[in-house]
PDB file of N, CA and C in Angstrom:
ATOM      1  N   MET A   1     102.037  94.180 103.481  1.00  0.00           N
ATOM      2  CA  MET A   1     102.077  95.453 104.165  1.00  0.00           C
ATOM      3  C   MET A   1     103.029  96.357 103.401  1.00  0.00           C
ATOM      4  N   LYS A   2     102.685  97.638 103.318  1.00  0.00           N
ATOM      5  CA  LYS A   2     103.541  98.591 102.621  1.00  0.00           C
ATOM      6  C   LYS A   2     103.819  99.767 103.540  1.00  0.00           C
ATOM      7  N   ILE A   3     105.094 100.007 103.791  1.00  0.00           N
ATOM      8  CA  ILE A   3     105.517 101.147 104.606  1.00  0.00           C
ATOM      9  C   ILE A   3     106.408 101.994 103.716  1.00  0.00           C
ATOM     10  N   GLY A   4     106.005 103.237 103.473  1.00  0.00           N
ATOM     11  CA  GLY A   4     106.780 104.085 102.574  1.00  0.00           C
ATOM     12  C   GLY A   4     106.807 103.481 101.190  1.00  0.00           C
ATOM     13  N   GLU A   5     107.991 103.268 100.659  1.00  0.00           N
ATOM     14  CA  GLU A   5     108.150 102.706  99.322  1.00  0.00           C
ATOM     15  C   GLU A   5     108.396 101.200  99.345  1.00  0.00           C
ATOM     16  N   TYR A   6     108.477 100.614 100.539  1.00  0.00           N
ATOM     17  CA  TYR A   6     108.864  99.221 100.647  1.00  0.00           C
ATOM     18  C   TYR A   6     107.669  98.338 100.961  1.00  0.00           C
ATOM     19  N   LYS A   7     107.687  97.128 100.410  1.00  0.00           N
ATOM     20  CA  LYS A   7     106.654  96.141 100.709  1.00  0.00           C
ATOM     21  C   LYS A   7     107.242  95.118 101.670  1.00  0.00           C
ATOM     22  N   TYR A   8     106.454  94.693 102.623  1.00  0.00           N
ATOM     23  CA  TYR A   8     106.875  93.665 103.560  1.00  0.00           C
ATOM     24  C   TYR A   8     105.890  92.518 103.480  1.00  0.00           C
ATOM     25  N   LEU A   9     106.392  91.308 103.586  1.00  0.00           N
ATOM     26  CA  LEU A   9     105.521  90.148 103.536  1.00  0.00           C
ATOM     27  C   LEU A   9     104.731  90.028 104.836  1.00  0.00           C
ATOM     28  N   THR A  10     103.487  89.611 104.702  1.00  0.00           N
ATOM     29  CA  THR A  10     102.668  89.322 105.876  1.00  0.00           C
ATOM     30  C   THR A  10     102.952  87.886 106.295  1.00  0.00           C
ATOM     31  N   PHE A  11     102.452  87.515 107.466  1.00  0.00           N
ATOM     32  CA  PHE A  11     102.654  86.141 107.927  1.00  0.00           C
ATOM     33  C   PHE A  11     101.956  85.162 106.983  1.00  0.00           C
ATOM     34  N   GLU A  12     100.793  85.544 106.466  1.00  0.00           N
ATOM     35  CA  GLU A  12     100.075  84.681 105.516  1.00  0.00           C
ATOM     36  C   GLU A  12     100.905  84.465 104.251  1.00  0.00           C
ATOM     37  N   GLN A  13     101.539  85.526 103.751  1.00  0.00           N
ATOM     38  CA  GLN A  13     102.392  85.388 102.574  1.00  0.00           C
ATOM     39  C   GLN A  13     103.602  84.510 102.878  1.00  0.00           C
ATOM     40  N   ARG A  14     104.124  84.612 104.086  1.00  0.00           N
ATOM     41  CA  ARG A  14     105.265  83.764 104.470  1.00  0.00           C
ATOM     42  C   ARG A  14     104.857  82.293 104.489  1.00  0.00           C
ATOM     43  N   LYS A  15     103.634  82.000 104.934  1.00  0.00           N
ATOM     44  CA  LYS A  15     103.155  80.607 104.938  1.00  0.00           C
ATOM     45  C   LYS A  15     103.000  80.091 103.506  1.00  0.00           C
ATOM     46  N   VAL A  16     102.492  80.951 102.611  1.00  0.00           N
ATOM     47  CA  VAL A  16     102.364  80.562 101.201  1.00  0.00           C
ATOM     48  C   VAL A  16     103.749  80.310 100.607  1.00  0.00           C
ATOM     49  N   LEU A  17     104.688  81.191 100.902  1.00  0.00           N
ATOM     50  CA  LEU A  17     106.058  81.026 100.433  1.00  0.00           C
ATOM     51  C   LEU A  17     106.630  79.692 100.898  1.00  0.00           C
ATOM     52  N   ALA A  18     106.429  79.367 102.160  1.00  0.00           N
ATOM     53  CA  ALA A  18     106.955  78.112 102.711  1.00  0.00           C
ATOM     54  C   ALA A  18     106.369  76.906 101.979  1.00  0.00           C
ATOM     55  N   THR A  19     105.076  76.939 101.732  1.00  0.00           N
ATOM     56  CA  THR A  19     104.419  75.823 101.052  1.00  0.00           C
ATOM     57  C   THR A  19     104.916  75.689  99.615  1.00  0.00           C
ATOM     58  N   MET A  20     104.964  76.798  98.897  1.00  0.00           N
ATOM     59  CA  MET A  20     105.408  76.756  97.510  1.00  0.00           C
ATOM     60  C   MET A  20     106.872  76.333  97.414  1.00  0.00           C
ATOM     61  N   HIS A  21     107.690  76.820  98.334  1.00  0.00           N
ATOM     62  CA  HIS A  21     109.116  76.464  98.333  1.00  0.00           C
ATOM     63  C   HIS A  21     109.291  74.976  98.642  1.00  0.00           C
ATOM     64  N   GLU A  22     108.465  74.466  99.533  1.00  0.00           N
ATOM     65  CA  GLU A  22     108.524  73.047  99.892  1.00  0.00           C
ATOM     66  C   GLU A  22     108.211  72.163  98.680  1.00  0.00           C
ATOM     67  N   TYR A  23     107.334  72.632  97.802  1.00  0.00           N
ATOM     68  CA  TYR A  23     106.980  71.881  96.595  1.00  0.00           C
ATOM     69  C   TYR A  23     107.896  72.204  95.416  1.00  0.00           C
ATOM     70  N   HIS A  24     109.000  72.891  95.685  1.00  0.00           N
ATOM     71  CA  HIS A  24     110.038  73.185  94.688  1.00  0.00           C
ATOM     72  C   HIS A  24     109.516  73.995  93.502  1.00  0.00           C
ATOM     73  N   ILE A  25     108.598  74.889  93.766  1.00  0.00           N
ATOM     74  CA  ILE A  25     108.115  75.801  92.736  1.00  0.00           C
ATOM     75  C   ILE A  25     109.213  76.841  92.511  1.00  0.00           C
ATOM     76  N   PRO A  26     109.515  77.172  91.273  1.00  0.00           N
ATOM     77  CA  PRO A  26     110.587  78.148  91.002  1.00  0.00           C
ATOM     78  C   PRO A  26     110.336  79.477  91.719  1.00  0.00           C
ATOM     79  N   LEU A  27     111.428  80.063  92.191  1.00  0.00           N
ATOM     80  CA  LEU A  27     111.322  81.300  92.963  1.00  0.00           C
ATOM     81  C   LEU A  27     110.711  82.439  92.155  1.00  0.00           C
ATOM     82  N   LYS A  28     110.946  82.435  90.866  1.00  0.00           N
ATOM     83  CA  LYS A  28     110.362  83.468  90.013  1.00  0.00           C
ATOM     84  C   LYS A  28     108.832  83.368  90.018  1.00  0.00           C
ATOM     85  N   GLU A  29     108.307  82.157  89.991  1.00  0.00           N
ATOM     86  CA  GLU A  29     106.850  81.957  90.048  1.00  0.00           C
ATOM     87  C   GLU A  29     106.296  82.354  91.415  1.00  0.00           C
ATOM     88  N   ILE A  30     107.052  82.056  92.465  1.00  0.00           N
ATOM     89  CA  ILE A  30     106.622  82.430  93.813  1.00  0.00           C
ATOM     90  C   ILE A  30     106.541  83.945  93.920  1.00  0.00           C
ATOM     91  N   SER A  31     107.546  84.641  93.375  1.00  0.00           N
ATOM     92  CA  SER A  31     107.539  86.102  93.455  1.00  0.00           C
ATOM     93  C   SER A  31     106.346  86.683  92.705  1.00  0.00           C
ATOM     94  N   LYS A  32     105.993  86.100  91.576  1.00  0.00           N
ATOM     95  CA  LYS A  32     104.826  86.570  90.830  1.00  0.00           C
ATOM     96  C   LYS A  32     103.539  86.304  91.602  1.00  0.00           C
ATOM     97  N   ALA A  33     103.449  85.134  92.217  1.00  0.00           N
ATOM     98  CA  ALA A  33     102.248  84.776  92.972  1.00  0.00           C
ATOM     99  C   ALA A  33     102.048  85.690  94.181  1.00  0.00           C
ATOM    100  N   LEU A  34     103.153  86.085  94.818  1.00  0.00           N
ATOM    101  CA  LEU A  34     103.068  86.943  95.998  1.00  0.00           C
ATOM    102  C   LEU A  34     103.130  88.430  95.638  1.00  0.00           C
ATOM    103  N   ASP A  35     103.346  88.739  94.359  1.00  0.00           N
ATOM    104  CA  ASP A  35     103.427  90.106  93.856  1.00  0.00           C
ATOM    105  C   ASP A  35     104.532  90.904  94.557  1.00  0.00           C
ATOM    106  N   VAL A  36     105.711  90.281  94.629  1.00  0.00           N
ATOM    107  CA  VAL A  36     106.894  90.940  95.185  1.00  0.00           C
ATOM    108  C   VAL A  36     108.071  90.691  94.247  1.00  0.00           C
ATOM    109  N   HIS A  37     109.112  91.477  94.408  1.00  0.00           N
ATOM    110  CA  HIS A  37     110.307  91.331  93.590  1.00  0.00           C
ATOM    111  C   HIS A  37     111.012  90.027  93.947  1.00  0.00           C
ATOM    112  N   LEU A  38     111.698  89.459  92.970  1.00  0.00           N
ATOM    113  CA  LEU A  38     112.427  88.212  93.177  1.00  0.00           C
ATOM    114  C   LEU A  38     113.461  88.346  94.299  1.00  0.00           C
ATOM    115  N   ALA A  39     114.100  89.516  94.398  1.00  0.00           N
ATOM    116  CA  ALA A  39     115.093  89.737  95.461  1.00  0.00           C
ATOM    117  C   ALA A  39     114.451  89.628  96.840  1.00  0.00           C
ATOM    118  N   THR A  40     113.190  90.021  96.957  1.00  0.00           N
ATOM    119  CA  THR A  40     112.478  89.909  98.230  1.00  0.00           C
ATOM    120  C   THR A  40     112.369  88.451  98.649  1.00  0.00           C
ATOM    121  N   ILE A  41     112.118  87.582  97.692  1.00  0.00           N
ATOM    122  CA  ILE A  41     112.003  86.146  97.985  1.00  0.00           C
ATOM    123  C   ILE A  41     113.349  85.609  98.473  1.00  0.00           C
ATOM    124  N   TYR A  42     114.418  85.980  97.791  1.00  0.00           N
ATOM    125  CA  TYR A  42     115.745  85.522  98.222  1.00  0.00           C
ATOM    126  C   TYR A  42     116.066  86.000  99.636  1.00  0.00           C
ATOM    127  N   ARG A  43     115.799  87.277  99.919  1.00  0.00           N
ATOM    128  CA  ARG A  43     116.071  87.802 101.265  1.00  0.00           C
ATOM    129  C   ARG A  43     115.190  87.119 102.308  1.00  0.00           C
ATOM    130  N   GLU A  44     113.958  86.869 101.949  1.00  0.00           N
ATOM    131  CA  GLU A  44     113.031  86.234 102.888  1.00  0.00           C
ATOM    132  C   GLU A  44     113.467  84.810 103.207  1.00  0.00           C
ATOM    133  N   LEU A  45     113.902  84.074 102.199  1.00  0.00           N
ATOM    134  CA  LEU A  45     114.371  82.705 102.437  1.00  0.00           C
ATOM    135  C   LEU A  45     115.602  82.706 103.336  1.00  0.00           C
ATOM    136  N   LYS A  46     116.471  83.685 103.134  1.00  0.00           N
ATOM    137  CA  LYS A  46     117.661  83.809 103.987  1.00  0.00           C
ATOM    138  C   LYS A  46     117.245  84.158 105.421  1.00  0.00           C
ATOM    139  N   ARG A  47     116.289  85.069 105.559  1.00  0.00           N
ATOM    140  CA  ARG A  47     115.829  85.521 106.868  1.00  0.00           C
ATOM    141  C   ARG A  47     115.211  84.368 107.673  1.00  0.00           C
ATOM    142  N   GLY A  48     114.461  83.509 107.009  1.00  0.00           N
ATOM    143  CA  GLY A  48     113.724  82.477 107.721  1.00  0.00           C
ATOM    144  C   GLY A  48     114.345  81.101 107.681  1.00  0.00           C
ATOM    145  N   TYR A  49     115.606  81.009 107.244  1.00  0.00           N
ATOM    146  CA  TYR A  49     116.230  79.691 107.152  1.00  0.00           C
ATOM    147  C   TYR A  49     116.637  79.186 108.533  1.00  0.00           C
ATOM    148  N   VAL A  50     116.189  78.007 108.843  1.00  0.00           N
ATOM    149  CA  VAL A  50     116.630  77.274 110.033  1.00  0.00           C
ATOM    150  C   VAL A  50     117.069  75.904 109.542  1.00  0.00           C
ATOM    151  N   SER A  51     117.723  75.147 110.385  1.00  0.00           N
ATOM    152  CA  SER A  51     118.156  73.829 109.926  1.00  0.00           C
ATOM    153  C   SER A  51     116.925  73.055 109.457  1.00  0.00           C
ATOM    154  N   GLY A  52     116.988  72.592 108.249  1.00  0.00           N
ATOM    155  CA  GLY A  52     115.862  71.865 107.684  1.00  0.00           C
ATOM    156  C   GLY A  52     115.085  72.662 106.652  1.00  0.00           C
ATOM    157  N   GLY A  53     115.332  73.963 106.539  1.00  0.00           N
ATOM    158  CA  GLY A  53     114.655  74.742 105.501  1.00  0.00           C
ATOM    159  C   GLY A  53     114.049  76.029 106.021  1.00  0.00           C
ATOM    160  N   TYR A  54     113.128  76.576 105.234  1.00  0.00           N
ATOM    161  CA  TYR A  54     112.489  77.860 105.544  1.00  0.00           C
ATOM    162  C   TYR A  54     111.376  77.652 106.563  1.00  0.00           C
ATOM    163  N   ASP A  55     111.371  78.486 107.591  1.00  0.00           N
ATOM    164  CA  ASP A  55     110.335  78.442 108.627  1.00  0.00           C
ATOM    165  C   ASP A  55     109.661  79.808 108.695  1.00  0.00           C
ATOM    166  N   PRO A  56     108.370  79.886 108.313  1.00  0.00           N
ATOM    167  CA  PRO A  56     107.701  81.187 108.312  1.00  0.00           C
ATOM    168  C   PRO A  56     107.575  81.808 109.705  1.00  0.00           C
ATOM    169  N   ILE A  57     107.508  80.992 110.739  1.00  0.00           N
ATOM    170  CA  ILE A  57     107.399  81.510 112.108  1.00  0.00           C
ATOM    171  C   ILE A  57     108.715  82.181 112.507  1.00  0.00           C
ATOM    172  N   ALA A  58     109.838  81.529 112.194  1.00  0.00           N
ATOM    173  CA  ALA A  58     111.148  82.122 112.495  1.00  0.00           C
ATOM    174  C   ALA A  58     111.355  83.393 111.688  1.00  0.00           C
ATOM    175  N   ALA A  59     110.937  83.384 110.426  1.00  0.00           N
ATOM    176  CA  ALA A  59     111.086  84.568 109.572  1.00  0.00           C
ATOM    177  C   ALA A  59     110.265  85.734 110.116  1.00  0.00           C
ATOM    178  N   GLN A  60     109.052  85.449 110.590  1.00  0.00           N
ATOM    179  CA  GLN A  60     108.206  86.505 111.145  1.00  0.00           C
ATOM    180  C   GLN A  60     108.833  87.080 112.412  1.00  0.00           C
ATOM    181  N   ALA A  61     109.419  86.214 113.231  1.00  0.00           N
ATOM    182  CA  ALA A  61     110.063  86.680 114.463  1.00  0.00           C
ATOM    183  C   ALA A  61     111.235  87.605 114.145  1.00  0.00           C
ATOM    184  N   VAL A  62     112.048  87.244 113.157  1.00  0.00           N
ATOM    185  CA  VAL A  62     113.182  88.079 112.763  1.00  0.00           C
ATOM    186  C   VAL A  62     112.684  89.409 112.204  1.00  0.00           C
ATOM    187  N   ALA A  63     111.662  89.363 111.369  1.00  0.00           N
ATOM    188  CA  ALA A  63     111.107  90.591 110.790  1.00  0.00           C
ATOM    189  C   ALA A  63     110.566  91.509 111.877  1.00  0.00           C
ATOM    190  N   ASP A  64     109.872  90.943 112.867  1.00  0.00           N
ATOM    191  CA  ASP A  64     109.339  91.746 113.972  1.00  0.00           C
ATOM    192  C   ASP A  64     110.465  92.399 114.772  1.00  0.00           C
ATOM    193  N   GLN A  65     111.543  91.653 115.024  1.00  0.00           N
ATOM    194  CA  GLN A  65     112.686  92.209 115.742  1.00  0.00           C
ATOM    195  C   GLN A  65     113.314  93.355 114.956  1.00  0.00           C
ATOM    196  N   ASN A  66     113.436  93.168 113.639  1.00  0.00           N
ATOM    197  CA  ASN A  66     114.042  94.214 112.797  1.00  0.00           C
ATOM    198  C   ASN A  66     113.190  95.474 112.781  1.00  0.00           C
ATOM    199  N   ILE A  67     111.877  95.325 112.793  1.00  0.00           N
ATOM    200  CA  ILE A  67     110.983  96.482 112.815  1.00  0.00           C
ATOM    201  C   ILE A  67     111.149  97.248 114.128  1.00  0.00           C
ATOM    202  N   LYS A  68     111.291  96.526 115.227  1.00  0.00           N
ATOM    203  CA  LYS A  68     111.477  97.173 116.526  1.00  0.00           C
ATOM    204  C   LYS A  68     112.778  97.973 116.585  1.00  0.00           C
ATOM    205  N   LYS A  69     113.819  97.492 115.903  1.00  0.00           N
ATOM    206  CA  LYS A  69     115.132  98.141 115.932  1.00  0.00           C
ATOM    207  C   LYS A  69     115.176  99.420 115.109  1.00  0.00           C
ATOM    208  N   ARG A  70     114.275  99.570 114.155  1.00  0.00           N
ATOM    209  CA  ARG A  70     114.329 100.717 113.245  1.00  0.00           C
ATOM    210  C   ARG A  70     114.211 102.030 113.974  1.00  0.00           C
ATOM    211  N   GLY A  71     115.044 102.960 113.586  1.00  0.00           N
ATOM    212  CA  GLY A  71     114.953 104.311 114.116  1.00  0.00           C
ATOM    213  C   GLY A  71     115.641 104.532 115.443  1.00  0.00           C
ATOM    214  N   LYS A  72     116.165 103.483 116.057  1.00  0.00           N
ATOM    215  CA  LYS A  72     116.849 103.661 117.335  1.00  0.00           C
ATOM    216  C   LYS A  72     118.230 104.218 117.098  1.00  0.00           C
ATOM    217  N   GLN A  73     118.655 105.106 117.976  1.00  0.00           N
ATOM    218  CA  GLN A  73     119.972 105.709 117.881  1.00  0.00           C
ATOM    219  C   GLN A  73     121.021 104.765 118.444  1.00  0.00           C
ATOM    220  N   ARG A  74     122.169 104.713 117.779  1.00  0.00           N
ATOM    221  CA  ARG A  74     123.279 103.911 118.287  1.00  0.00           C
ATOM    222  C   ARG A  74     124.028 104.721 119.319  1.00  0.00           C
ATOM    223  N   LYS A  75     124.594 104.040 120.290  1.00  0.00           N
ATOM    224  CA  LYS A  75     125.361 104.720 121.340  1.00  0.00           C
ATOM    225  C   LYS A  75     126.811 104.804 120.958  1.00  0.00           C
TER     226      LYS A  75
END
């Protein structure tokens, strides 16, 4: 998904990331396969980390929460 100038991973891409990461494929290769910047992969792994490793479902939940928060005014 692309909003403005930024690309966001879809849930399908997160599942691919999880599978490739589980098989210890280098992050640089994963970024090329998903056509995203390497920094995106690092941030995504951080976003979806739960005890035991990367969870695409948890990462999607965090991403959805962050999207909902955008544009809200702070009190």
